[in-house]
Each structure stands twice: as C-alpha cells, then as structure tokens.
C-alpha cells in the first residue's frame, strides 16, 4: 500500500493536468505511432514498430503510477492548519545557528518541492527535522557534512 501524499490546491491541479495530458494527448499519439509503423510492412523486422510498442508500454506504466499516486493524494485545507508547530504547508522562518543566516521555507509534498521558490519537501532531511517543532525550538538535522542546527523563528500558513 502506498503512502498518502498531501497537496495544495495548486499542486493537486498540476498533478491532475499532467495525468489528463498523458491520457488525452500522449496516449493517442502513441497509438498513432504504432499504427503508422504497422502500415510499413513486416512486423517481425520492423524496428519502428518495436520502438513504438515499447514507448506505449512506458507511457502506460507512467499513467498507471500517476493514477496510483492520485488515489493516495489528499487536499490540505490550509485554513485549518495549526500554526503552533511546523506541519505540511507551514511557512517557516528558520535561523541556521552555524552561520546565523535566516531562511524562509514552505514545507510541501515531495512532488511540489522547488528550492528556487522556497518550497522544501517534508521528506527532505531539513523538512523531517523541522516537522513538529515549535517557535523557539532547535531542530537538529543530520546532513553528510555533520549536524546542522536551526532555530524556529516563526510559523505561518
């Protein structure tokens, strides 16, 4: 059984749109490619046909995985988030106690993570270290270079 993944409204829509594109655009394209390759003659020596069939198989596998992922996706009601501790979708300001730098992050599902826009996965080492912490608490995060310590400055939604 797969793990439940939590999404923002925007993240869930993006996932649905991608699945819809695969089904409505890519699947017919794969079928057309197989049909065109089939029309070119002897299937036993037709590399184009074999490649088209393999591409279709990979596409169907991707669609299947995405459908399974979607069946375990849950929408988070941001208005009901508890801001007393760090949770999924919390916007946190943390201070790295090693170099005194402050950073702003939003904790999101793994598929929504984007470091450039300040979104880190709850499954990342820093995300895991921050979960459940309250303002003023210190999160110790083990990274390849040792242990980083972050102080929770603020939590918002």
C-alpha atoms as a PDB file:
ATOM      1  CA  UNK A   1       0.000   0.000   0.000  1.00  0.00           C
ATOM      2  CA  UNK A   2       1.318   3.440  -0.916  1.00  0.00           C
ATOM      3  CA  UNK A   3       1.731   6.360   1.429  1.00  0.00           C
ATOM      4  CA  UNK A   4      -0.752   9.202   1.438  1.00  0.00           C
ATOM      5  CA  UNK A   5       0.605  12.442  -0.054  1.00  0.00           C
ATOM      6  CA  UNK A   6      -0.768  15.841   0.870  1.00  0.00           C
ATOM      7  CA  UNK A   7      -1.140  18.604  -1.697  1.00  0.00           C
ATOM      8  CA  UNK A   8      -2.079  22.213  -2.010  1.00  0.00           C
ATOM      9  CA  UNK A   9      -4.939  23.031  -4.372  1.00  0.00           C
ATOM     10  CA  UNK A  10      -2.349  24.235  -6.915  1.00  0.00           C
ATOM     11  CA  UNK A  11      -0.199  21.103  -6.590  1.00  0.00           C
ATOM     12  CA  UNK A  12      -3.150  18.721  -6.960  1.00  0.00           C
ATOM     13  CA  UNK A  13      -4.394  20.589 -10.038  1.00  0.00           C
ATOM     14  CA  UNK A  14      -0.935  20.347 -11.616  1.00  0.00           C
ATOM     15  CA  UNK A  15      -0.895  16.588 -10.992  1.00  0.00           C
ATOM     16  CA  UNK A  16      -4.397  16.149 -12.483  1.00  0.00           C
ATOM     17  CA  UNK A  17      -3.487  18.248 -15.516  1.00  0.00           C
ATOM     18  CA  UNK A  18      -0.371  16.176 -16.164  1.00  0.00           C
ATOM     19  CA  UNK A  19      -2.329  12.918 -15.921  1.00  0.00           C
ATOM     20  CA  UNK A  20      -5.017  14.297 -18.232  1.00  0.00           C
ATOM     21  CA  UNK A  21      -2.361  15.332 -20.777  1.00  0.00           C
ATOM     22  CA  UNK A  22      -0.817  11.860 -20.738  1.00  0.00           C
ATOM     23  CA  UNK A  23      -4.194  10.205 -21.278  1.00  0.00           C
ATOM     24  CA  UNK A  24      -5.734  12.652 -23.751  1.00  0.00           C
ATOM     25  CA  UNK A  25      -2.701  13.644 -25.835  1.00  0.00           C
ATOM     26  CA  UNK A  26       0.197  11.257 -25.371  1.00  0.00           C
ATOM     27  CA  UNK A  27      -1.837   8.013 -25.389  1.00  0.00           C
ATOM     28  CA  UNK A  28      -3.473   8.752 -28.803  1.00  0.00           C
ATOM     29  CA  UNK A  29      -0.073   9.836 -30.168  1.00  0.00           C
ATOM     30  CA  UNK A  30       1.427   6.503 -29.107  1.00  0.00           C
ATOM     31  CA  UNK A  31      -1.416   4.588 -30.765  1.00  0.00           C
ATOM     32  CA  UNK A  32      -0.978   6.580 -33.974  1.00  0.00           C
ATOM     33  CA  UNK A  33       2.764   5.875 -33.992  1.00  0.00           C
ATOM     34  CA  UNK A  34       2.070   2.134 -33.670  1.00  0.00           C
ATOM     35  CA  UNK A  35      -0.498   2.302 -36.478  1.00  0.00           C
ATOM     36  CA  UNK A  36       1.902   4.122 -38.788  1.00  0.00           C
ATOM     37  CA  UNK A  37       4.707   1.667 -38.042  1.00  0.00           C
ATOM     38  CA  UNK A  38       2.356  -1.277 -38.613  1.00  0.00           C
ATOM     39  CA  UNK A  39       1.461   0.078 -42.038  1.00  0.00           C
ATOM     40  CA  UNK A  40       5.109  -0.087 -43.104  1.00  0.00           C
ATOM     41  CA  UNK A  41       5.105  -3.825 -43.570  1.00  0.00           C
ATOM     42  CA  UNK A  42       6.533  -6.954 -41.954  1.00  0.00           C
ATOM     43  CA  UNK A  43       6.265  -6.573 -38.178  1.00  0.00           C
ATOM     44  CA  UNK A  44       8.956  -9.184 -37.455  1.00  0.00           C
ATOM     45  CA  UNK A  45      11.670  -6.902 -38.882  1.00  0.00           C
ATOM     46  CA  UNK A  46      10.119  -3.522 -38.133  1.00  0.00           C
ATOM     47  CA  UNK A  47      12.280  -1.668 -35.570  1.00  0.00           C
ATOM     48  CA  UNK A  48       9.997   1.371 -35.735  1.00  0.00           C
ATOM     49  CA  UNK A  49       7.044  -0.793 -34.657  1.00  0.00           C
ATOM     50  CA  UNK A  50       9.032  -2.314 -31.779  1.00  0.00           C
ATOM     51  CA  UNK A  51      10.117   1.148 -30.609  1.00  0.00           C
ATOM     52  CA  UNK A  52       6.550   2.476 -30.794  1.00  0.00           C
ATOM     53  CA  UNK A  53       5.224  -0.503 -28.791  1.00  0.00           C
ATOM     54  CA  UNK A  54       7.946  -0.032 -26.163  1.00  0.00           C
ATOM     55  CA  UNK A  55       7.174   3.704 -25.911  1.00  0.00           C
ATOM     56  CA  UNK A  56       3.493   2.875 -25.464  1.00  0.00           C
ATOM     57  CA  UNK A  57       4.333   0.415 -22.687  1.00  0.00           C
ATOM     58  CA  UNK A  58       6.428   3.028 -20.882  1.00  0.00           C
ATOM     59  CA  UNK A  59       3.633   5.583 -21.236  1.00  0.00           C
ATOM     60  CA  UNK A  60       1.033   3.170 -19.842  1.00  0.00           C
ATOM     61  CA  UNK A  61       3.325   2.389 -16.913  1.00  0.00           C
ATOM     62  CA  UNK A  62       3.717   6.122 -16.185  1.00  0.00           C
ATOM     63  CA  UNK A  63      -0.059   6.642 -16.387  1.00  0.00           C
ATOM     64  CA  UNK A  64      -0.631   3.715 -14.044  1.00  0.00           C
ATOM     65  CA  UNK A  65       1.848   5.057 -11.491  1.00  0.00           C
ATOM     66  CA  UNK A  66       0.292   8.519 -11.655  1.00  0.00           C
ATOM     67  CA  UNK A  67      -3.207   7.084 -11.167  1.00  0.00           C
ATOM     68  CA  UNK A  68      -1.978   5.194  -8.103  1.00  0.00           C
ATOM     69  CA  UNK A  69      -0.334   8.380  -6.852  1.00  0.00           C
ATOM     70  CA  UNK A  70      -3.573  10.312  -7.399  1.00  0.00           C
ATOM     71  CA  UNK A  71      -5.589   7.720  -5.497  1.00  0.00           C
ATOM     72  CA  UNK A  72      -3.413   8.447  -2.449  1.00  0.00           C
ATOM     73  CA  UNK A  73      -3.379  12.236  -2.872  1.00  0.00           C
ATOM     74  CA  UNK A  74      -5.189  14.343  -0.313  1.00  0.00           C
ATOM     75  CA  UNK A  75      -6.006  18.053  -0.464  1.00  0.00           C
ATOM     76  CA  UNK A  76      -4.972  20.066   2.568  1.00  0.00           C
ATOM     77  CA  UNK A  77      -7.396  22.633   3.932  1.00  0.00           C
ATOM     78  CA  UNK A  78      -4.978  25.481   4.606  1.00  0.00           C
ATOM     79  CA  UNK A  79      -7.492  27.336   6.777  1.00  0.00           C
ATOM     80  CA  UNK A  80      -7.394  24.537   9.368  1.00  0.00           C
ATOM     81  CA  UNK A  81      -3.633  24.341   9.720  1.00  0.00           C
ATOM     82  CA  UNK A  82      -2.232  24.607  13.236  1.00  0.00           C
ATOM     83  CA  UNK A  83       0.435  27.317  13.333  1.00  0.00           C
ATOM     84  CA  UNK A  84       1.721  26.378  16.783  1.00  0.00           C
ATOM     85  CA  UNK A  85       4.066  23.788  15.262  1.00  0.00           C
ATOM     86  CA  UNK A  86       5.642  23.018  11.895  1.00  0.00           C
ATOM     87  CA  UNK A  87       3.401  20.896   9.657  1.00  0.00           C
ATOM     88  CA  UNK A  88       2.932  20.257   5.946  1.00  0.00           C
ATOM     89  CA  UNK A  89       2.255  23.640   4.249  1.00  0.00           C
ATOM     90  CA  UNK A  90       3.729  25.593   7.154  1.00  0.00           C
ATOM     91  CA  UNK A  91       5.683  28.650   6.123  1.00  0.00           C
ATOM     92  CA  UNK A  92       8.641  28.798   8.467  1.00  0.00           C
ATOM     93  CA  UNK A  93      11.424  31.255   9.100  1.00  0.00           C
ATOM     94  CA  UNK A  94      14.463  29.469  10.487  1.00  0.00           C
ATOM     95  CA  UNK A  95      17.897  30.605  11.556  1.00  0.00           C
ATOM     96  CA  UNK A  96      20.917  28.438  10.835  1.00  0.00           C
ATOM     97  CA  UNK A  97      22.783  28.534  14.147  1.00  0.00           C
ATOM     98  CA  UNK A  98      26.095  27.665  12.443  1.00  0.00           C
ATOM     99  CA  UNK A  99      26.238  30.734  10.144  1.00  0.00           C
ATOM    100  CA  UNK A 100      23.394  32.865  11.652  1.00  0.00           C
ATOM    101  CA  UNK A 101      21.587  33.109   8.283  1.00  0.00           C
ATOM    102  CA  UNK A 102      17.791  33.250   8.221  1.00  0.00           C
ATOM    103  CA  UNK A 103      15.858  31.295   5.605  1.00  0.00           C
ATOM    104  CA  UNK A 104      12.191  31.141   4.636  1.00  0.00           C
ATOM    105  CA  UNK A 105      10.707  27.813   3.574  1.00  0.00           C
ATOM    106  CA  UNK A 106       7.305  26.320   2.918  1.00  0.00           C
ATOM    107  CA  UNK A 107       7.073  22.599   3.658  1.00  0.00           C
ATOM    108  CA  UNK A 108       5.270  20.775   0.851  1.00  0.00           C
ATOM    109  CA  UNK A 109       4.762  17.296  -0.591  1.00  0.00           C
ATOM    110  CA  UNK A 110       7.775  15.860  -2.379  1.00  0.00           C
ATOM    111  CA  UNK A 111       6.287  16.370  -5.839  1.00  0.00           C
ATOM    112  CA  UNK A 112       5.707  20.096  -5.148  1.00  0.00           C
ATOM    113  CA  UNK A 113       9.202  20.807  -3.805  1.00  0.00           C
ATOM    114  CA  UNK A 114      11.052  23.618  -5.585  1.00  0.00           C
ATOM    115  CA  UNK A 115      14.021  25.084  -3.743  1.00  0.00           C
ATOM    116  CA  UNK A 116      14.160  28.140  -6.041  1.00  0.00           C
ATOM    117  CA  UNK A 117      10.715  29.203  -4.817  1.00  0.00           C
ATOM    118  CA  UNK A 118      11.432  28.277  -1.199  1.00  0.00           C
ATOM    119  CA  UNK A 119       9.411  25.054  -1.156  1.00  0.00           C
ATOM    120  CA  UNK A 120      11.113  22.091   0.500  1.00  0.00           C
ATOM    121  CA  UNK A 121       9.828  18.548   0.802  1.00  0.00           C
ATOM    122  CA  UNK A 122       8.622  17.268   4.135  1.00  0.00           C
ATOM    123  CA  UNK A 123      10.622  14.133   3.232  1.00  0.00           C
ATOM    124  CA  UNK A 124      13.909  16.033   2.874  1.00  0.00           C
ATOM    125  CA  UNK A 125      16.344  15.916   5.816  1.00  0.00           C
ATOM    126  CA  UNK A 126      15.608  19.556   6.724  1.00  0.00           C
ATOM    127  CA  UNK A 127      11.848  19.059   6.278  1.00  0.00           C
ATOM    128  CA  UNK A 128      11.863  15.982   8.517  1.00  0.00           C
ATOM    129  CA  UNK A 129      13.920  17.826  11.112  1.00  0.00           C
ATOM    130  CA  UNK A 130      11.518  20.779  11.213  1.00  0.00           C
ATOM    131  CA  UNK A 131       8.251  18.811  11.410  1.00  0.00           C
ATOM    132  CA  UNK A 132       6.560  19.059  14.780  1.00  0.00           C
ATOM    133  CA  UNK A 133       8.870  21.784  16.105  1.00  0.00           C
ATOM    134  CA  UNK A 134       7.512  24.946  17.751  1.00  0.00           C
ATOM    135  CA  UNK A 135       8.715  28.540  17.699  1.00  0.00           C
ATOM    136  CA  UNK A 136      11.959  28.858  19.644  1.00  0.00           C
ATOM    137  CA  UNK A 137      12.819  25.162  19.419  1.00  0.00           C
ATOM    138  CA  UNK A 138      16.029  23.931  17.834  1.00  0.00           C
ATOM    139  CA  UNK A 139      15.878  21.376  15.016  1.00  0.00           C
ATOM    140  CA  UNK A 140      18.997  19.252  14.620  1.00  0.00           C
ATOM    141  CA  UNK A 141      19.355  17.920  11.095  1.00  0.00           C
ATOM    142  CA  UNK A 142      21.909  15.300  10.122  1.00  0.00           C
ATOM    143  CA  UNK A 143      23.487  16.016   6.738  1.00  0.00           C
ATOM    144  CA  UNK A 144      26.545  14.470   5.045  1.00  0.00           C
ATOM    145  CA  UNK A 145      28.791  17.221   6.499  1.00  0.00           C
ATOM    146  CA  UNK A 146      27.569  16.699  10.062  1.00  0.00           C
ATOM    147  CA  UNK A 147      24.714  18.193  12.031  1.00  0.00           C
ATOM    148  CA  UNK A 148      23.004  21.482  11.228  1.00  0.00           C
ATOM    149  CA  UNK A 149      21.049  23.296  13.920  1.00  0.00           C
ATOM    150  CA  UNK A 150      18.099  25.501  13.016  1.00  0.00           C
ATOM    151  CA  UNK A 151      16.115  27.692  15.372  1.00  0.00           C
ATOM    152  CA  UNK A 152      12.422  28.099  14.507  1.00  0.00           C
ATOM    153  CA  UNK A 153      11.826  31.872  14.328  1.00  0.00           C
ATOM    154  CA  UNK A 154       8.222  31.916  13.080  1.00  0.00           C
ATOM    155  CA  UNK A 155       5.498  29.651  11.712  1.00  0.00           C
ATOM    156  CA  UNK A 156       2.717  30.814   9.410  1.00  0.00           C
ATOM    157  CA  UNK A 157       0.354  29.269   6.893  1.00  0.00           C
END
